[in-house]
N, C-alpha and C. Protein backbone atom coordinates (compact mmCIF):
# COMPACT_ATOMS: atom_id res chain seq x y z
N MET A 1 92.11 104.19 100.34
CA MET A 1 93.31 104.18 101.15
C MET A 1 94.56 104.46 100.34
N ALA A 2 94.38 104.79 99.08
CA ALA A 2 95.54 105.08 98.25
C ALA A 2 96.32 106.26 98.80
N GLU A 3 95.62 107.20 99.42
CA GLU A 3 96.30 108.36 99.97
C GLU A 3 97.25 107.97 101.09
N LEU A 4 96.81 107.10 101.99
CA LEU A 4 97.69 106.62 103.06
C LEU A 4 98.92 105.93 102.48
N ALA A 5 98.71 105.12 101.47
CA ALA A 5 99.83 104.42 100.85
C ALA A 5 100.82 105.40 100.24
N THR A 6 100.30 106.45 99.63
CA THR A 6 101.16 107.45 99.01
C THR A 6 101.97 108.21 100.07
N VAL A 7 101.32 108.58 101.16
CA VAL A 7 102.00 109.30 102.24
C VAL A 7 103.01 108.39 102.93
N ALA A 8 102.68 107.11 103.04
CA ALA A 8 103.55 106.16 103.74
C ALA A 8 104.79 105.79 102.93
N ARG A 9 104.73 105.92 101.61
CA ARG A 9 105.81 105.44 100.75
C ARG A 9 107.19 106.00 101.12
N PRO A 10 107.36 107.33 101.30
CA PRO A 10 108.72 107.80 101.64
C PRO A 10 109.21 107.27 102.99
N TYR A 11 108.30 107.08 103.92
CA TYR A 11 108.69 106.54 105.22
C TYR A 11 109.13 105.08 105.09
N SER A 12 108.39 104.30 104.31
CA SER A 12 108.76 102.89 104.15
C SER A 12 110.09 102.77 103.41
N LYS A 13 110.29 103.64 102.42
CA LYS A 13 111.57 103.61 101.70
C LYS A 13 112.72 104.01 102.62
N ALA A 14 112.50 104.99 103.47
CA ALA A 14 113.55 105.42 104.41
C ALA A 14 113.84 104.31 105.41
N ALA A 15 112.81 103.66 105.92
CA ALA A 15 113.00 102.55 106.86
C ALA A 15 113.75 101.41 106.18
N PHE A 16 113.39 101.12 104.93
CA PHE A 16 114.04 100.04 104.21
C PHE A 16 115.52 100.38 103.99
N ALA A 17 115.81 101.61 103.61
CA ALA A 17 117.20 102.02 103.38
C ALA A 17 118.02 101.89 104.67
N ALA A 18 117.43 102.31 105.79
CA ALA A 18 118.14 102.20 107.07
C ALA A 18 118.35 100.73 107.45
N ALA A 19 117.34 99.91 107.24
CA ALA A 19 117.45 98.49 107.57
C ALA A 19 118.48 97.80 106.70
N GLU A 20 118.47 98.13 105.43
CA GLU A 20 119.42 97.53 104.50
C GLU A 20 120.85 97.96 104.81
N ALA A 21 121.02 99.24 105.12
CA ALA A 21 122.36 99.75 105.43
C ALA A 21 122.93 99.11 106.69
N SER A 22 122.06 98.82 107.65
CA SER A 22 122.53 98.21 108.90
C SER A 22 122.56 96.69 108.83
N GLY A 23 122.05 96.12 107.72
CA GLY A 23 122.01 94.67 107.58
C GLY A 23 121.00 94.01 108.51
N LYS A 24 119.95 94.75 108.84
CA LYS A 24 118.96 94.23 109.80
C LYS A 24 117.55 94.23 109.21
N LEU A 25 117.41 93.69 108.02
CA LEU A 25 116.09 93.66 107.37
C LEU A 25 115.08 92.86 108.20
N VAL A 26 115.49 91.73 108.71
CA VAL A 26 114.57 90.88 109.47
C VAL A 26 114.13 91.57 110.76
N GLU A 27 115.08 92.18 111.47
CA GLU A 27 114.75 92.85 112.72
C GLU A 27 113.80 94.02 112.48
N TRP A 28 114.07 94.82 111.45
CA TRP A 28 113.18 95.93 111.11
C TRP A 28 111.81 95.41 110.70
N SER A 29 111.78 94.36 109.95
CA SER A 29 110.51 93.77 109.52
C SER A 29 109.68 93.36 110.73
N GLN A 30 110.31 92.68 111.67
CA GLN A 30 109.61 92.25 112.88
C GLN A 30 109.12 93.44 113.69
N ALA A 31 109.96 94.45 113.82
CA ALA A 31 109.60 95.63 114.60
C ALA A 31 108.44 96.38 113.95
N LEU A 32 108.53 96.61 112.64
CA LEU A 32 107.47 97.34 111.96
C LEU A 32 106.15 96.57 111.97
N THR A 33 106.23 95.26 111.83
CA THR A 33 105.01 94.44 111.89
C THR A 33 104.36 94.54 113.26
N ALA A 34 105.17 94.43 114.32
CA ALA A 34 104.63 94.53 115.68
C ALA A 34 104.05 95.91 115.94
N LEU A 35 104.75 96.95 115.50
CA LEU A 35 104.25 98.32 115.70
C LEU A 35 102.98 98.57 114.89
N ALA A 36 102.91 98.02 113.69
CA ALA A 36 101.72 98.19 112.86
C ALA A 36 100.51 97.52 113.51
N GLU A 37 100.73 96.34 114.09
CA GLU A 37 99.63 95.65 114.78
C GLU A 37 99.13 96.50 115.95
N LEU A 38 100.06 97.08 116.69
CA LEU A 38 99.67 97.94 117.81
C LEU A 38 98.91 99.16 117.33
N ALA A 39 99.43 99.81 116.30
CA ALA A 39 98.82 101.04 115.80
C ALA A 39 97.43 100.79 115.23
N SER A 40 97.11 99.54 114.94
CA SER A 40 95.79 99.19 114.40
C SER A 40 94.76 98.97 115.51
N GLN A 41 95.21 98.85 116.74
CA GLN A 41 94.29 98.58 117.85
C GLN A 41 93.65 99.87 118.35
N GLU A 42 92.33 99.82 118.49
CA GLU A 42 91.56 101.00 118.89
C GLU A 42 92.03 101.58 120.22
N GLY A 43 92.25 100.73 121.21
CA GLY A 43 92.69 101.20 122.52
C GLY A 43 94.02 101.92 122.47
N VAL A 44 94.93 101.39 121.68
CA VAL A 44 96.25 102.01 121.53
C VAL A 44 96.12 103.36 120.81
N ARG A 45 95.28 103.40 119.77
CA ARG A 45 95.07 104.66 119.06
C ARG A 45 94.50 105.73 119.99
N ARG A 46 93.55 105.33 120.84
CA ARG A 46 92.98 106.29 121.79
C ARG A 46 94.05 106.79 122.76
N ALA A 47 94.85 105.86 123.27
CA ALA A 47 95.89 106.25 124.22
C ALA A 47 96.91 107.19 123.57
N LEU A 48 97.29 106.89 122.33
CA LEU A 48 98.27 107.74 121.65
C LEU A 48 97.69 109.10 121.30
N GLY A 49 96.36 109.17 121.19
CA GLY A 49 95.70 110.44 120.88
C GLY A 49 95.54 111.35 122.07
N ASN A 50 95.93 110.87 123.25
CA ASN A 50 95.82 111.68 124.46
C ASN A 50 96.71 112.91 124.33
N PRO A 51 96.12 114.11 124.34
CA PRO A 51 96.93 115.32 124.14
C PRO A 51 97.87 115.64 125.30
N HIS A 52 97.69 114.95 126.42
CA HIS A 52 98.56 115.21 127.58
C HIS A 52 99.85 114.41 127.55
N LEU A 53 99.97 113.50 126.60
CA LEU A 53 101.20 112.71 126.47
C LEU A 53 102.20 113.43 125.58
N SER A 54 103.45 113.42 126.00
CA SER A 54 104.51 113.97 125.16
C SER A 54 104.90 112.94 124.10
N ALA A 55 105.68 113.36 123.14
CA ALA A 55 106.14 112.44 122.10
C ALA A 55 106.96 111.30 122.72
N THR A 56 107.79 111.63 123.68
CA THR A 56 108.60 110.62 124.34
C THR A 56 107.73 109.61 125.08
N GLN A 57 106.66 110.09 125.73
CA GLN A 57 105.75 109.19 126.42
C GLN A 57 105.01 108.28 125.43
N ARG A 58 104.68 108.82 124.27
CA ARG A 58 104.02 108.00 123.25
C ARG A 58 104.95 106.89 122.76
N VAL A 59 106.20 107.25 122.51
CA VAL A 59 107.20 106.25 122.08
C VAL A 59 107.40 105.20 123.17
N THR A 60 107.50 105.63 124.40
CA THR A 60 107.67 104.71 125.52
C THR A 60 106.48 103.77 125.62
N LEU A 61 105.28 104.31 125.44
CA LEU A 61 104.07 103.48 125.47
C LEU A 61 104.14 102.40 124.39
N LEU A 62 104.46 102.79 123.18
CA LEU A 62 104.53 101.82 122.08
C LEU A 62 105.61 100.77 122.31
N THR A 63 106.78 101.22 122.70
CA THR A 63 107.89 100.26 122.87
C THR A 63 107.64 99.33 124.06
N SER A 64 106.87 99.78 125.04
CA SER A 64 106.58 98.90 126.19
C SER A 64 105.55 97.83 125.83
N LEU A 65 104.77 98.06 124.79
CA LEU A 65 103.71 97.13 124.42
C LEU A 65 104.14 96.07 123.41
N ILE A 66 105.27 96.28 122.73
CA ILE A 66 105.69 95.28 121.74
C ILE A 66 106.68 94.30 122.37
N SER A 67 106.69 93.09 121.83
CA SER A 67 107.57 92.06 122.36
C SER A 67 108.91 92.02 121.63
N VAL A 68 109.08 92.91 120.66
CA VAL A 68 110.30 92.95 119.85
C VAL A 68 111.16 94.12 120.33
N ASP A 69 112.46 93.87 120.46
CA ASP A 69 113.37 94.96 120.82
C ASP A 69 113.65 95.80 119.59
N LEU A 70 113.59 97.12 119.77
CA LEU A 70 113.89 98.02 118.66
C LEU A 70 115.36 98.36 118.66
N SER A 71 115.95 98.36 117.47
CA SER A 71 117.32 98.84 117.35
C SER A 71 117.30 100.34 117.60
N THR A 72 118.46 100.92 117.78
CA THR A 72 118.55 102.36 117.98
C THR A 72 117.96 103.10 116.80
N GLU A 73 118.28 102.63 115.58
CA GLU A 73 117.77 103.29 114.37
C GLU A 73 116.25 103.18 114.28
N ALA A 74 115.71 102.01 114.60
CA ALA A 74 114.26 101.82 114.57
C ALA A 74 113.59 102.69 115.63
N GLY A 75 114.24 102.84 116.77
CA GLY A 75 113.72 103.73 117.82
C GLY A 75 113.67 105.17 117.34
N PHE A 76 114.72 105.61 116.64
CA PHE A 76 114.73 106.97 116.08
C PHE A 76 113.62 107.12 115.04
N PHE A 77 113.44 106.09 114.23
CA PHE A 77 112.39 106.11 113.21
C PHE A 77 111.02 106.25 113.86
N LEU A 78 110.78 105.46 114.90
CA LEU A 78 109.51 105.52 115.61
C LEU A 78 109.30 106.91 116.21
N HIS A 79 110.34 107.46 116.81
CA HIS A 79 110.25 108.80 117.41
C HIS A 79 109.92 109.83 116.33
N MET A 80 110.53 109.69 115.16
CA MET A 80 110.25 110.61 114.07
C MET A 80 108.78 110.52 113.65
N LEU A 81 108.24 109.30 113.56
CA LEU A 81 106.83 109.12 113.21
C LEU A 81 105.92 109.75 114.25
N VAL A 82 106.26 109.57 115.52
CA VAL A 82 105.44 110.15 116.59
C VAL A 82 105.51 111.68 116.52
N ASP A 83 106.70 112.24 116.35
CA ASP A 83 106.85 113.70 116.25
C ASP A 83 106.06 114.26 115.08
N ALA A 84 106.04 113.54 113.96
CA ALA A 84 105.35 114.00 112.76
C ALA A 84 103.86 113.65 112.78
N LYS A 85 103.41 113.02 113.89
CA LYS A 85 102.00 112.59 114.02
C LYS A 85 101.59 111.68 112.87
N LYS A 86 102.44 110.69 112.56
CA LYS A 86 102.21 109.77 111.46
C LYS A 86 102.09 108.31 111.93
N ILE A 87 101.78 108.09 113.18
CA ILE A 87 101.65 106.74 113.72
C ILE A 87 100.59 105.95 112.97
N ALA A 88 99.53 106.62 112.52
CA ALA A 88 98.45 105.94 111.80
C ALA A 88 98.95 105.31 110.49
N LEU A 89 100.12 105.75 110.03
CA LEU A 89 100.68 105.21 108.79
C LEU A 89 101.42 103.88 109.00
N LEU A 90 101.64 103.48 110.24
CA LEU A 90 102.45 102.29 110.50
C LEU A 90 101.98 101.04 109.75
N PRO A 91 100.67 100.73 109.69
CA PRO A 91 100.28 99.54 108.92
C PRO A 91 100.68 99.64 107.44
N ALA A 92 100.50 100.81 106.82
CA ALA A 92 100.87 100.98 105.41
C ALA A 92 102.39 100.95 105.25
N ILE A 93 103.11 101.55 106.19
CA ILE A 93 104.58 101.54 106.14
C ILE A 93 105.09 100.10 106.24
N ALA A 94 104.53 99.34 107.18
CA ALA A 94 104.97 97.95 107.35
C ALA A 94 104.68 97.12 106.10
N ALA A 95 103.51 97.31 105.51
CA ALA A 95 103.15 96.55 104.30
C ALA A 95 104.09 96.90 103.15
N GLN A 96 104.39 98.18 102.97
CA GLN A 96 105.29 98.58 101.88
C GLN A 96 106.72 98.12 102.16
N PHE A 97 107.12 98.15 103.42
CA PHE A 97 108.45 97.66 103.80
C PHE A 97 108.57 96.18 103.43
N GLU A 98 107.54 95.39 103.75
CA GLU A 98 107.56 93.96 103.42
C GLU A 98 107.64 93.74 101.92
N ALA A 99 106.93 94.57 101.15
CA ALA A 99 106.98 94.44 99.70
C ALA A 99 108.40 94.73 99.19
N LEU A 100 109.04 95.75 99.73
CA LEU A 100 110.42 96.08 99.34
C LEU A 100 111.38 94.95 99.75
N LYS A 101 111.18 94.42 100.95
CA LYS A 101 112.01 93.32 101.46
C LYS A 101 111.84 92.08 100.57
N ASN A 102 110.59 91.76 100.25
CA ASN A 102 110.34 90.59 99.39
C ASN A 102 110.96 90.78 98.01
N GLU A 103 110.90 91.98 97.49
CA GLU A 103 111.50 92.26 96.18
C GLU A 103 113.01 92.05 96.24
N ARG A 104 113.63 92.55 97.30
CA ARG A 104 115.09 92.42 97.47
C ARG A 104 115.48 90.95 97.61
N GLU A 105 114.67 90.20 98.36
CA GLU A 105 114.99 88.80 98.63
C GLU A 105 114.43 87.84 97.58
N ARG A 106 113.76 88.39 96.57
CA ARG A 106 113.13 87.62 95.51
C ARG A 106 112.20 86.55 96.08
N THR A 107 111.33 87.00 96.98
CA THR A 107 110.34 86.11 97.56
C THR A 107 108.94 86.70 97.37
N VAL A 108 107.94 85.85 97.49
CA VAL A 108 106.55 86.31 97.51
C VAL A 108 105.86 85.62 98.68
N ASP A 109 104.85 86.29 99.19
CA ASP A 109 104.05 85.71 100.27
C ASP A 109 102.81 85.09 99.67
N ALA A 110 102.48 83.90 100.11
CA ALA A 110 101.27 83.21 99.65
C ALA A 110 100.45 82.80 100.87
N ILE A 111 99.16 83.01 100.76
CA ILE A 111 98.25 82.54 101.80
C ILE A 111 97.45 81.40 101.19
N VAL A 112 97.52 80.24 101.82
CA VAL A 112 96.81 79.05 101.35
C VAL A 112 95.65 78.82 102.31
N TYR A 113 94.44 78.97 101.76
CA TYR A 113 93.23 78.69 102.53
C TYR A 113 92.82 77.26 102.23
N SER A 114 92.60 76.49 103.28
CA SER A 114 92.25 75.09 103.12
C SER A 114 91.12 74.74 104.09
N ALA A 115 90.25 73.83 103.66
CA ALA A 115 89.16 73.41 104.53
C ALA A 115 89.68 72.59 105.71
N LEU A 116 90.80 71.94 105.53
CA LEU A 116 91.40 71.09 106.55
C LEU A 116 92.87 71.44 106.71
N PRO A 117 93.48 71.08 107.84
CA PRO A 117 94.92 71.30 107.96
C PRO A 117 95.67 70.62 106.82
N VAL A 118 96.72 71.25 106.33
CA VAL A 118 97.49 70.74 105.20
C VAL A 118 98.67 69.93 105.74
N ALA A 119 98.82 68.71 105.24
CA ALA A 119 99.94 67.85 105.64
C ALA A 119 101.26 68.45 105.14
N ASP A 120 102.32 68.19 105.85
CA ASP A 120 103.64 68.73 105.49
C ASP A 120 104.04 68.37 104.06
N LYS A 121 103.80 67.13 103.66
CA LYS A 121 104.18 66.69 102.32
C LYS A 121 103.39 67.47 101.27
N GLN A 122 102.09 67.67 101.49
CA GLN A 122 101.26 68.44 100.55
C GLN A 122 101.72 69.89 100.49
N LEU A 123 102.04 70.44 101.65
CA LEU A 123 102.50 71.83 101.71
C LEU A 123 103.82 72.00 100.96
N LYS A 124 104.70 71.03 101.11
CA LYS A 124 105.99 71.07 100.41
C LYS A 124 105.77 71.02 98.90
N THR A 125 104.89 70.14 98.44
CA THR A 125 104.59 70.02 97.01
C THR A 125 103.97 71.31 96.48
N LEU A 126 103.02 71.86 97.22
CA LEU A 126 102.37 73.11 96.82
C LEU A 126 103.38 74.25 96.77
N THR A 127 104.25 74.34 97.76
CA THR A 127 105.28 75.38 97.79
C THR A 127 106.21 75.26 96.59
N GLN A 128 106.60 74.04 96.24
CA GLN A 128 107.47 73.84 95.08
C GLN A 128 106.77 74.29 93.79
N ARG A 129 105.50 73.96 93.65
CA ARG A 129 104.75 74.36 92.45
C ARG A 129 104.60 75.88 92.37
N LEU A 130 104.34 76.50 93.51
CA LEU A 130 104.21 77.96 93.53
C LEU A 130 105.55 78.63 93.22
N THR A 131 106.63 78.05 93.73
CA THR A 131 107.97 78.58 93.46
C THR A 131 108.26 78.52 91.96
N LYS A 132 107.90 77.41 91.34
CA LYS A 132 108.11 77.25 89.89
C LYS A 132 107.23 78.24 89.11
N LYS A 133 105.98 78.38 89.52
CA LYS A 133 105.05 79.27 88.82
C LYS A 133 105.50 80.73 88.89
N PHE A 134 105.94 81.18 90.06
CA PHE A 134 106.29 82.58 90.23
C PHE A 134 107.77 82.88 90.04
N GLY A 135 108.59 81.86 89.93
CA GLY A 135 110.02 82.07 89.70
C GLY A 135 110.70 82.74 90.88
N ARG A 136 110.12 82.59 92.05
CA ARG A 136 110.67 83.17 93.27
C ARG A 136 110.45 82.21 94.43
N SER A 137 111.19 82.43 95.47
CA SER A 137 110.96 81.68 96.69
C SER A 137 109.60 82.10 97.26
N VAL A 138 108.85 81.16 97.80
CA VAL A 138 107.50 81.44 98.28
C VAL A 138 107.43 81.19 99.79
N GLN A 139 106.95 82.20 100.50
CA GLN A 139 106.69 82.09 101.94
C GLN A 139 105.21 81.76 102.09
N VAL A 140 104.89 80.57 102.56
CA VAL A 140 103.50 80.12 102.61
C VAL A 140 102.95 80.21 104.03
N GLN A 141 101.75 80.76 104.12
CA GLN A 141 101.00 80.78 105.38
C GLN A 141 99.70 80.02 105.13
N VAL A 142 99.39 79.06 105.98
CA VAL A 142 98.18 78.26 105.81
C VAL A 142 97.10 78.76 106.77
N VAL A 143 95.90 78.97 106.23
CA VAL A 143 94.75 79.38 107.03
C VAL A 143 93.65 78.34 106.81
N VAL A 144 93.17 77.76 107.89
CA VAL A 144 92.09 76.77 107.78
C VAL A 144 90.76 77.52 107.73
N ASP A 145 89.97 77.22 106.67
CA ASP A 145 88.66 77.85 106.46
C ASP A 145 87.68 76.76 106.06
N ALA A 146 86.90 76.28 107.03
CA ALA A 146 85.98 75.16 106.80
C ALA A 146 84.92 75.49 105.75
N ALA A 147 84.66 76.77 105.49
CA ALA A 147 83.65 77.17 104.51
C ALA A 147 84.03 76.73 103.09
N LEU A 148 85.30 76.42 102.87
CA LEU A 148 85.73 76.01 101.53
C LEU A 148 85.27 74.59 101.19
N ILE A 149 84.86 73.85 102.16
CA ILE A 149 84.36 72.47 102.06
C ILE A 149 85.51 71.50 101.73
N GLY A 150 86.30 71.77 100.73
CA GLY A 150 87.43 70.93 100.33
C GLY A 150 88.29 71.72 99.36
N GLY A 151 89.45 71.20 99.04
CA GLY A 151 90.35 71.88 98.12
C GLY A 151 91.06 73.05 98.79
N VAL A 152 91.72 73.87 97.97
CA VAL A 152 92.44 75.02 98.50
C VAL A 152 92.19 76.25 97.64
N LYS A 153 92.40 77.39 98.28
CA LYS A 153 92.41 78.68 97.58
C LYS A 153 93.75 79.31 97.93
N VAL A 154 94.50 79.73 96.91
CA VAL A 154 95.82 80.31 97.11
C VAL A 154 95.79 81.77 96.68
N VAL A 155 96.25 82.65 97.56
CA VAL A 155 96.31 84.08 97.26
C VAL A 155 97.77 84.52 97.31
N VAL A 156 98.26 85.03 96.18
CA VAL A 156 99.61 85.56 96.08
C VAL A 156 99.48 86.98 95.52
N GLY A 157 99.71 87.96 96.39
CA GLY A 157 99.51 89.34 95.96
C GLY A 157 98.06 89.56 95.56
N ASP A 158 97.85 90.00 94.33
CA ASP A 158 96.48 90.23 93.86
C ASP A 158 95.98 89.06 93.01
N GLN A 159 96.74 87.98 92.96
CA GLN A 159 96.32 86.80 92.19
C GLN A 159 95.66 85.78 93.12
N VAL A 160 94.51 85.26 92.67
CA VAL A 160 93.79 84.25 93.44
C VAL A 160 93.61 83.02 92.57
N MET A 161 94.04 81.88 93.08
CA MET A 161 93.84 80.60 92.40
C MET A 161 92.93 79.78 93.30
N ASN A 162 91.67 79.63 92.87
CA ASN A 162 90.68 79.02 93.74
C ASN A 162 90.27 77.65 93.21
N GLY A 163 90.75 76.62 93.84
CA GLY A 163 90.40 75.26 93.48
C GLY A 163 89.56 74.61 94.57
N SER A 164 88.83 75.44 95.32
CA SER A 164 88.03 74.91 96.42
C SER A 164 86.71 74.33 95.91
N VAL A 165 86.15 73.45 96.69
CA VAL A 165 84.83 72.88 96.37
C VAL A 165 83.79 73.99 96.39
N GLN A 166 83.92 74.90 97.33
CA GLN A 166 82.98 76.02 97.41
C GLN A 166 82.96 76.80 96.10
N ALA A 167 84.12 77.11 95.54
CA ALA A 167 84.19 77.86 94.28
C ALA A 167 83.57 77.07 93.14
N LYS A 168 83.81 75.76 93.13
CA LYS A 168 83.24 74.92 92.06
C LYS A 168 81.72 74.85 92.18
N LEU A 169 81.21 74.78 93.40
CA LEU A 169 79.76 74.77 93.59
C LEU A 169 79.13 76.10 93.18
N GLU A 170 79.83 77.19 93.51
CA GLU A 170 79.33 78.51 93.11
C GLU A 170 79.32 78.66 91.59
N ALA A 171 80.34 78.14 90.92
CA ALA A 171 80.39 78.20 89.46
C ALA A 171 79.28 77.35 88.86
N LEU A 172 79.04 76.18 89.44
CA LEU A 172 77.96 75.31 88.96
C LEU A 172 76.61 75.98 89.15
N TYR A 173 76.41 76.59 90.29
CA TYR A 173 75.15 77.30 90.56
C TYR A 173 74.96 78.44 89.56
N ALA A 174 76.02 79.20 89.31
CA ALA A 174 75.93 80.32 88.38
C ALA A 174 75.57 79.81 86.98
N SER A 175 76.16 78.70 86.57
CA SER A 175 75.86 78.19 85.22
C SER A 175 74.44 77.65 85.13
N LEU A 176 73.91 77.11 86.22
CA LEU A 176 72.55 76.58 86.20
C LEU A 176 71.49 77.67 86.28
N THR A 177 71.83 78.79 86.89
CA THR A 177 70.84 79.87 87.05
C THR A 177 70.95 80.93 85.95
N ALA A 178 71.93 80.82 85.10
CA ALA A 178 72.11 81.83 84.04
C ALA A 178 71.21 81.61 82.86
């Protein structure tokens, strides 16, 4: 998928520049995320691939399906993507836009996988530790995964910190069978 990322890069940079210039990074982020989710759905892709639809009808279809209002600039951006037949790039564009936004805001996204729901106090402590470790503000998303048995697994970008019971059991098994 490196090719999609490469093709998407100028579009994500253009979207980011427009969002930054208008002071609407959050609104653009929400819009691109919603559009990327739609563009990933098989039914939507089939509908957009209908050769009998005009570019305007495709844009209308997309904008009618999202719950986020598009700014005028974001609407023009979407129309440009539809005209250029680049709708399939929306997930990559949204991901790169988020990376640029996080860089600007000096934040990182972290996904915390836990076997059980995480208490607010524990989440606050974990967020503080991650903020100290990465030297940036951390946006934490918690995902409950009973397969972990206990403990947590934290994913920040391409870094994985796995302190789950499942990981410890797998390491023990590997050492016993080696």
